[in-house]
Amino acid sequence: MALTIPVERISQEARRRDVRAGLRRLARLLVTLLVGIPYVLGWTVSKVWLGLTIAWVAAGEGWRDAARSRPVKGGRR
């Protein structure tokens, strides 16, 4: 009885289960998260800040317009 070792099949399976490929994917994921999360947070904060600034300026303009259109009482404004 001869013992045959399926070297090719073992080699293919070893290549398929290459740990380095998994580590590369994990490293790529971690780098993406380390860069992506601050980027998204910064982008979001900038858009929120812009929206708040626009709302603040619009409120100020509305306040000034309302003050200009008030009738003058007693000769003073």
C-alpha atoms as a PDB file:
ATOM      1  CA  MET A   1       0.000   0.000   0.000  1.00  0.00           C
ATOM      2  CA  ALA A   2       1.434   3.295  -1.105  1.00  0.00           C
ATOM      3  CA  LEU A   3       0.769   6.481   0.692  1.00  0.00           C
ATOM      4  CA  THR A   4       0.089   9.380  -1.637  1.00  0.00           C
ATOM      5  CA  ILE A   5       0.255  12.914  -0.392  1.00  0.00           C
ATOM      6  CA  PRO A   6      -1.841  15.452  -2.337  1.00  0.00           C
ATOM      7  CA  VAL A   7       0.864  18.108  -2.408  1.00  0.00           C
ATOM      8  CA  GLU A   8      -0.846  20.267  -5.002  1.00  0.00           C
ATOM      9  CA  ARG A   9      -4.132  20.335  -3.135  1.00  0.00           C
ATOM     10  CA  ILE A  10      -2.352  21.111   0.137  1.00  0.00           C
ATOM     11  CA  SER A  11      -0.404  23.925  -1.525  1.00  0.00           C
ATOM     12  CA  GLN A  12      -3.538  25.441  -3.046  1.00  0.00           C
ATOM     13  CA  GLU A  13      -5.356  25.301   0.284  1.00  0.00           C
ATOM     14  CA  ALA A  14      -2.390  26.882   2.046  1.00  0.00           C
ATOM     15  CA  ARG A  15      -2.329  29.715  -0.487  1.00  0.00           C
ATOM     16  CA  ARG A  16      -6.067  30.187  -0.121  1.00  0.00           C
ATOM     17  CA  ARG A  17      -5.724  30.447   3.645  1.00  0.00           C
ATOM     18  CA  ASP A  18      -2.748  32.772   3.490  1.00  0.00           C
ATOM     19  CA  VAL A  19      -2.744  34.639   6.786  1.00  0.00           C
ATOM     20  CA  ARG A  20      -0.854  37.580   5.298  1.00  0.00           C
ATOM     21  CA  ALA A  21      -3.728  38.323   2.929  1.00  0.00           C
ATOM     22  CA  GLY A  22      -6.117  38.485   5.869  1.00  0.00           C
ATOM     23  CA  LEU A  23      -3.729  40.701   7.795  1.00  0.00           C
ATOM     24  CA  ARG A  24      -3.433  43.026   4.788  1.00  0.00           C
ATOM     25  CA  ARG A  25      -7.213  43.309   4.628  1.00  0.00           C
ATOM     26  CA  LEU A  26      -7.374  43.997   8.356  1.00  0.00           C
ATOM     27  CA  ALA A  27      -4.619  46.616   8.109  1.00  0.00           C
ATOM     28  CA  ARG A  28      -6.409  48.285   5.178  1.00  0.00           C
ATOM     29  CA  LEU A  29      -9.645  48.341   7.179  1.00  0.00           C
ATOM     30  CA  LEU A  30      -7.936  49.884  10.206  1.00  0.00           C
ATOM     31  CA  VAL A  31      -6.201  52.542   8.112  1.00  0.00           C
ATOM     32  CA  THR A  32      -9.492  53.341   6.380  1.00  0.00           C
ATOM     33  CA  LEU A  33     -11.203  53.739   9.743  1.00  0.00           C
ATOM     34  CA  LEU A  34      -8.354  55.830  11.169  1.00  0.00           C
ATOM     35  CA  VAL A  35      -8.491  58.194   8.204  1.00  0.00           C
ATOM     36  CA  GLY A  36     -12.173  57.966   7.338  1.00  0.00           C
ATOM     37  CA  ILE A  37     -13.705  58.655  10.732  1.00  0.00           C
ATOM     38  CA  PRO A  38     -11.886  61.992  11.313  1.00  0.00           C
ATOM     39  CA  TYR A  39     -12.587  62.973   7.692  1.00  0.00           C
ATOM     40  CA  VAL A  40     -16.315  62.324   8.026  1.00  0.00           C
ATOM     41  CA  LEU A  41     -16.445  64.053  11.408  1.00  0.00           C
ATOM     42  CA  GLY A  42     -14.596  67.086  10.046  1.00  0.00           C
ATOM     43  CA  TRP A  43     -16.842  67.273   7.003  1.00  0.00           C
ATOM     44  CA  THR A  44     -19.960  67.008   9.169  1.00  0.00           C
ATOM     45  CA  VAL A  45     -18.768  69.667  11.611  1.00  0.00           C
ATOM     46  CA  SER A  46     -17.934  72.032   8.749  1.00  0.00           C
ATOM     47  CA  LYS A  47     -21.408  71.608   7.228  1.00  0.00           C
ATOM     48  CA  VAL A  48     -23.108  72.073  10.609  1.00  0.00           C
ATOM     49  CA  TRP A  49     -20.976  75.154  11.286  1.00  0.00           C
ATOM     50  CA  LEU A  50     -21.875  76.578   7.873  1.00  0.00           C
ATOM     51  CA  GLY A  51     -25.565  75.954   8.514  1.00  0.00           C
ATOM     52  CA  LEU A  52     -25.399  77.599  11.946  1.00  0.00           C
ATOM     53  CA  THR A  53     -23.523  80.576  10.513  1.00  0.00           C
ATOM     54  CA  ILE A  54     -26.083  81.036   7.743  1.00  0.00           C
ATOM     55  CA  ALA A  55     -28.939  80.776  10.267  1.00  0.00           C
ATOM     56  CA  TRP A  56     -27.243  83.306  12.584  1.00  0.00           C
ATOM     57  CA  VAL A  57     -26.677  85.811   9.773  1.00  0.00           C
ATOM     58  CA  ALA A  58     -30.243  85.346   8.501  1.00  0.00           C
ATOM     59  CA  ALA A  59     -31.615  85.938  12.003  1.00  0.00           C
ATOM     60  CA  GLY A  60     -29.544  89.114  12.314  1.00  0.00           C
ATOM     61  CA  GLU A  61     -30.747  90.400   8.959  1.00  0.00           C
ATOM     62  CA  GLY A  62     -34.355  89.650   9.915  1.00  0.00           C
ATOM     63  CA  TRP A  63     -33.885  91.447  13.226  1.00  0.00           C
ATOM     64  CA  ARG A  64     -32.471  94.524  11.465  1.00  0.00           C
ATOM     65  CA  ASP A  65     -35.246  94.503   8.853  1.00  0.00           C
ATOM     66  CA  ALA A  66     -37.881  94.248  11.604  1.00  0.00           C
ATOM     67  CA  ALA A  67     -36.254  97.108  13.529  1.00  0.00           C
ATOM     68  CA  ARG A  68     -36.272  99.333  10.429  1.00  0.00           C
ATOM     69  CA  SER A  69     -39.941  98.747   9.709  1.00  0.00           C
ATOM     70  CA  ARG A  70     -41.152  99.544  13.280  1.00  0.00           C
ATOM     71  CA  PRO A  71     -43.077 102.782  13.643  1.00  0.00           C
ATOM     72  CA  VAL A  72     -41.226 105.473  15.556  1.00  0.00           C
ATOM     73  CA  LYS A  73     -42.822 106.271  18.951  1.00  0.00           C
ATOM     74  CA  GLY A  74     -42.215 109.548  20.706  1.00  0.00           C
ATOM     75  CA  GLY A  75     -39.721 110.851  18.211  1.00  0.00           C
ATOM     76  CA  ARG A  76     -37.095 108.268  19.191  1.00  0.00           C
ATOM     77  CA  ARG A  77     -36.253 105.060  17.626  1.00  0.00           C
END
